[in-house]
Protein backbone atom coordinates (compact mmCIF):
# COMPACT_ATOMS: atom_id res chain seq x y z
CA MET A 1 70.60 97.90 103.90
CA THR A 2 72.61 94.70 103.97
CA ASP A 3 74.66 92.64 106.38
CA PHE A 4 78.40 92.30 105.83
CA LYS A 5 80.61 89.89 107.76
CA ILE A 6 84.38 90.22 107.97
CA ALA A 7 86.70 87.56 109.37
CA SER A 8 90.34 87.63 110.40
CA TRP A 9 92.59 84.65 111.08
CA ASN A 10 96.30 84.09 111.56
CA VAL A 11 96.40 80.63 110.01
CA ASN A 12 100.14 79.94 110.51
CA SER A 13 100.64 78.49 106.98
CA VAL A 14 97.79 78.75 104.52
CA ARG A 15 98.90 75.77 102.44
CA LEU A 16 99.05 73.50 105.49
CA ARG A 17 95.70 74.64 106.84
CA ALA A 18 93.74 75.37 103.67
CA PRO A 19 91.26 72.51 104.36
CA GLN A 20 90.57 73.96 107.82
CA VAL A 21 90.14 77.45 106.44
CA ILE A 22 87.67 76.20 103.84
CA ASP A 23 85.75 74.35 106.56
CA PHE A 24 85.57 77.59 108.52
CA LEU A 25 84.36 79.50 105.46
CA LYS A 26 81.60 76.95 104.93
CA ILE A 27 80.50 77.23 108.56
CA SER A 28 80.77 80.99 109.07
CA ALA A 29 80.35 82.29 105.50
CA PRO A 30 82.03 85.68 105.87
CA ASP A 31 81.97 88.09 102.96
CA VAL A 32 85.67 88.76 103.38
CA LEU A 33 88.44 86.83 105.12
CA CYS A 34 91.70 88.53 106.07
CA ILE A 35 94.49 86.02 106.56
CA GLN A 36 97.85 86.51 108.26
CA GLU A 37 101.05 84.46 108.35
CA ILE A 38 100.33 82.69 105.08
CA LYS A 39 104.02 81.64 104.85
CA CYS A 40 104.18 81.35 101.07
CA ARG A 41 105.01 83.38 97.99
CA ASN A 42 102.27 84.84 95.83
CA GLY A 43 102.39 82.06 93.24
CA GLU A 44 102.24 79.39 95.95
CA PHE A 45 99.01 80.68 97.46
CA PRO A 46 96.22 78.07 97.04
CA ALA A 47 94.12 80.46 94.97
CA GLN A 48 91.99 77.84 93.24
CA VAL A 49 90.97 76.29 96.55
CA PHE A 50 89.50 79.61 97.65
CA THR A 51 87.97 80.29 94.25
CA ASP A 52 86.20 76.94 94.35
CA ALA A 53 84.83 77.89 97.78
CA GLY A 54 83.34 81.11 96.39
CA TYR A 55 86.16 83.49 97.27
CA GLY A 56 87.52 84.24 93.83
CA HIS A 57 88.49 87.84 94.53
CA GLN A 58 91.92 87.68 96.10
CA MET A 59 94.75 89.96 97.15
CA VAL A 60 97.97 88.21 98.19
CA ARG A 61 101.10 89.68 99.70
CA GLY A 62 103.40 86.68 100.02
CA GLN A 63 106.92 86.04 101.21
CA LYS A 64 109.08 82.93 101.09
CA GLY A 65 108.52 80.85 104.20
CA LEU A 66 107.66 83.81 106.42
CA HIS A 67 104.93 86.29 107.26
CA GLY A 68 102.59 87.15 104.40
CA VAL A 69 98.99 88.35 104.36
CA ALA A 70 96.04 87.86 102.05
CA ILE A 71 92.46 89.03 101.59
CA VAL A 72 89.92 86.71 99.96
CA SER A 73 86.44 87.94 99.17
CA ARG A 74 83.08 87.05 97.68
CA HIS A 75 82.95 90.58 96.29
CA PRO A 76 85.27 92.48 93.94
CA LEU A 77 88.37 93.92 95.56
CA SER A 78 90.09 97.09 94.44
CA GLU A 79 93.71 97.09 95.56
CA GLN A 80 95.13 100.23 97.14
CA THR A 81 98.79 101.07 97.54
CA ASP A 82 99.99 99.25 100.63
CA PRO A 83 101.13 101.61 103.40
CA ASP A 84 104.81 101.63 104.28
CA PHE A 85 104.52 100.19 107.77
CA CYS A 86 107.45 97.78 107.72
CA LEU A 87 111.01 99.07 107.85
CA GLN A 88 112.26 95.63 106.77
CA ASN A 89 109.91 95.42 103.76
CA ASP A 90 108.32 92.20 104.99
CA ALA A 91 104.93 91.18 103.61
CA ARG A 92 102.78 92.31 106.50
CA VAL A 93 100.04 94.57 105.13
CA ALA A 94 97.36 94.52 102.43
CA LEU A 95 94.98 97.42 101.79
CA ALA A 96 91.91 97.04 99.58
CA ASP A 97 88.49 98.54 98.92
CA VAL A 98 85.36 96.42 98.95
CA MET A 99 81.69 97.44 98.94
CA GLY A 100 82.51 101.08 99.59
CA MET A 101 84.83 100.35 102.51
CA SER A 102 88.57 100.11 102.93
CA ILE A 103 90.06 97.07 104.67
CA CYS A 104 93.58 97.12 106.06
CA ASN A 105 94.83 93.63 106.90
CA VAL A 106 97.91 93.79 109.11
CA TYR A 107 100.32 91.35 110.71
CA ILE A 108 102.29 93.32 113.30
CA PRO A 109 105.68 91.82 114.24
CA ALA A 110 105.68 89.72 117.39
CA GLY A 111 108.66 91.57 118.85
CA GLY A 112 110.89 88.81 120.21
CA ASP A 113 111.29 88.00 123.88
CA GLU A 114 112.90 91.01 125.56
CA PRO A 115 110.69 94.14 125.84
CA ASP A 116 113.56 96.58 125.52
CA PRO A 117 114.15 98.29 122.14
CA ASN A 118 117.71 99.18 123.14
CA ILE A 119 118.81 95.56 123.35
CA ASN A 120 116.21 93.76 121.23
CA PRO A 121 116.07 94.81 117.55
CA LYS A 122 112.85 92.80 117.05
CA PHE A 123 111.08 94.80 119.73
CA ALA A 124 112.42 98.05 118.30
CA HIS A 125 111.07 96.96 114.90
CA LYS A 126 107.64 96.30 116.43
CA LEU A 127 107.50 99.75 118.00
CA ASP A 128 108.63 101.38 114.76
CA PHE A 129 105.91 99.46 112.88
CA LEU A 130 103.29 100.75 115.31
CA ASP A 131 104.60 104.30 114.99
CA ARG A 132 104.42 104.15 111.20
CA MET A 133 100.85 102.87 111.40
CA THR A 134 99.94 105.69 113.77
CA ARG A 135 101.33 108.35 111.46
CA PHE A 136 99.56 106.83 108.46
CA PHE A 137 96.13 106.63 110.07
CA SER A 138 96.49 110.03 111.70
CA ALA A 139 97.11 111.63 108.33
CA ARG A 140 94.40 109.58 106.62
CA SER A 141 91.74 110.38 109.21
CA LYS A 142 92.47 114.08 108.89
CA ALA A 143 92.34 113.94 105.09
CA LYS A 144 89.27 111.67 105.02
CA PRO A 145 87.18 112.27 108.17
CA ASP A 146 84.32 110.18 106.77
CA ASP A 147 86.59 107.31 105.79
CA LYS A 148 84.94 103.88 106.10
CA MET A 149 87.94 101.88 107.30
CA ILE A 150 88.24 98.46 108.89
CA LEU A 151 91.62 97.75 110.48
CA THR A 152 92.03 94.09 111.29
CA GLY A 153 94.57 91.35 111.73
CA ASP A 154 97.04 89.89 114.16
CA LEU A 155 98.13 93.01 116.02
CA ASN A 156 100.22 90.91 118.43
CA ILE A 157 99.19 92.99 121.45
CA ALA A 158 96.65 92.16 124.15
CA PRO A 159 95.79 95.62 125.50
CA LEU A 160 93.51 95.07 128.51
CA GLU A 161 93.95 93.16 131.75
CA CYS A 162 91.06 90.87 130.77
CA ASP A 163 92.72 90.24 127.39
CA VAL A 164 95.30 87.95 129.02
CA TRP A 165 95.07 85.03 131.40
CA SER A 166 97.19 86.82 134.03
CA HIS A 167 97.82 90.56 133.86
CA LYS A 168 100.34 90.43 136.70
CA GLN A 169 102.40 87.57 135.25
CA LEU A 170 102.43 88.98 131.72
CA LEU A 171 103.29 92.62 132.45
CA LYS A 172 106.89 91.98 131.38
CA VAL A 173 106.02 89.56 128.59
CA VAL A 174 106.07 90.90 125.03
CA SER A 175 102.49 91.42 123.76
CA HIS A 176 101.19 92.84 127.05
CA THR A 177 103.89 95.24 128.25
CA PRO A 178 102.93 98.83 129.12
CA ILE A 179 105.02 100.28 126.28
CA GLU A 180 103.17 98.15 123.69
CA VAL A 181 99.76 98.78 125.20
CA GLU A 182 100.41 102.52 125.14
CA ALA A 183 101.62 102.39 121.54
CA LEU A 184 98.49 100.48 120.54
CA SER A 185 96.30 103.02 122.35
CA VAL A 186 97.97 105.87 120.47
CA LEU A 187 97.42 103.99 117.21
CA GLN A 188 93.76 103.46 118.02
CA LYS A 189 93.24 107.14 118.79
CA SER A 190 95.07 108.21 115.62
CA GLY A 191 92.24 106.89 113.46
CA GLY A 192 89.45 107.27 116.01
CA PHE A 193 89.06 103.49 115.82
CA ALA A 194 86.54 101.55 117.88
CA ASP A 195 87.76 98.22 119.27
CA ILE A 196 84.55 96.43 118.43
CA ALA A 197 85.09 93.32 120.55
CA ARG A 198 85.36 95.50 123.66
CA GLU A 199 82.55 97.79 122.58
CA LEU A 200 80.27 94.75 122.47
CA ILE A 201 81.84 92.58 125.20
CA PRO A 202 82.96 95.01 127.92
CA GLU A 203 85.49 94.36 130.64
CA PRO A 204 85.97 92.30 132.74
CA GLU A 205 84.75 89.45 130.51
CA ARG A 206 87.68 87.64 129.00
CA VAL A 207 88.08 87.23 125.25
CA PHE A 208 91.08 85.28 123.94
CA THR A 209 92.17 84.55 120.36
CA TRP A 210 95.55 82.84 120.89
CA TRP A 211 96.85 79.99 123.01
CA SER A 212 100.46 78.78 122.99
CA TYR A 213 101.41 75.50 121.38
CA ARG A 214 103.51 74.80 124.49
CA SER A 215 100.46 73.67 126.41
CA LYS A 216 99.43 70.15 125.38
CA ASP A 217 95.87 70.78 126.57
CA TRP A 218 95.15 74.45 125.90
CA THR A 219 91.71 74.17 127.52
CA LYS A 220 93.01 72.98 130.89
CA HIS A 221 94.19 76.35 132.19
CA ASN A 222 92.88 78.60 129.38
CA ARG A 223 96.06 80.65 129.31
CA GLY A 224 95.13 82.75 126.30
CA ARG A 225 95.63 86.27 124.99
CA ARG A 226 93.54 88.52 122.72
CA LEU A 227 96.04 89.30 119.97
CA ASP A 228 93.65 89.46 117.00
CA HIS A 229 91.44 92.48 116.50
CA ILE A 230 88.78 94.08 114.31
CA TRP A 231 88.62 97.87 114.59
CA VAL A 232 86.43 100.28 112.66
CA SER A 233 86.64 104.00 111.94
CA PRO A 234 83.95 106.37 113.30
CA ALA A 235 81.98 106.19 110.04
CA LEU A 236 81.44 102.44 110.56
CA LYS A 237 80.96 102.28 114.31
CA ASN A 238 77.16 102.23 114.30
CA ALA A 239 77.19 99.61 111.54
CA ALA A 240 79.43 97.40 113.67
CA LEU A 241 77.35 97.85 116.81
CA HIS A 242 74.04 97.11 115.06
CA HIS A 243 73.87 93.39 115.88
CA GLY A 244 74.88 93.76 119.52
CA SER A 245 77.12 91.31 121.35
CA GLY A 246 76.27 88.55 118.87
CA GLY A 247 77.81 90.55 116.06
CA PHE A 248 81.33 89.69 117.21
CA VAL A 249 82.38 86.05 117.50
CA ALA A 250 85.66 84.49 118.61
CA HIS A 251 85.53 81.03 117.05
CA THR A 252 87.17 79.18 119.92
CA ASP A 253 86.24 75.70 118.67
CA CYS A 254 88.75 76.06 115.83
CA ARG A 255 91.62 75.85 118.33
CA SER A 256 90.68 72.20 118.96
CA TRP A 257 90.66 71.16 115.31
CA GLU A 258 93.29 68.73 114.10
CA ARG A 259 96.71 70.39 113.65
CA PRO A 260 95.28 73.83 114.45
CA SER A 261 96.77 77.27 114.23
CA ASP A 262 97.63 78.76 117.61
CA HIS A 263 95.19 81.56 116.69
CA ILE A 264 91.44 81.29 116.12
CA PRO A 265 89.37 83.20 113.58
CA ILE A 266 87.28 86.15 114.69
CA THR A 267 84.28 87.59 112.85
CA GLN A 268 82.32 90.82 112.95
CA MET A 269 78.96 91.58 111.38
CA LEU A 270 78.16 95.06 110.10
CA ARG A 271 74.83 96.45 108.91
CA LEU A 272 75.62 98.60 105.87
């Protein structure tokens, strides 16, 4: 048996924050890092920087100036065909196999400001993205009931009341609206996924992974949301629960680093 650590981080420009990401890799030493919002094309990804840090196995899905996801690993990656989640063909998903598991790294659209798909195309796009994910994982779980799948990334939804700084004030704010929370719940059930952070750190304890740039001192009022997630399929649930509450870490200190992302990295240890 061996320990395996996976990390996920929306870095909000990988070229700008590569030094920070490398610092995090040195401190936390995950086996695999899933990155979202890399904001560069494939050839612009700082591949050598990650290779020099020991993460020479890389899968990059880039896009000019926007979106983009990547997986960097200490171990060989076998690329799978990326699922068709995005109606607009944006670079928002990467699917790979590593150490006998599948990892799906996803950056779900934010959804704009108005939580009404009839008047806000961005919100309609977000709901369509979630529906496509649900159909994919429903079919996959039926075809592969013993599938060892990790679904991770910036899912852009804080599902529980304790996943936001104020449930009442954010009920009509995109990322915590009932329609999104329900869509995320349906997605979770489609693959039988366990939300590991909440399996290990039950309600009502708050866990946040994102704080707005609008607040000059994000620590003053702690107005965060849990938008970043690590889920596992039933075949990996016991592996993810093995280390108890210490197996999941939200690396809050990274939000105070110089020129930080508005997201922090999260990590999960599994005993394989």
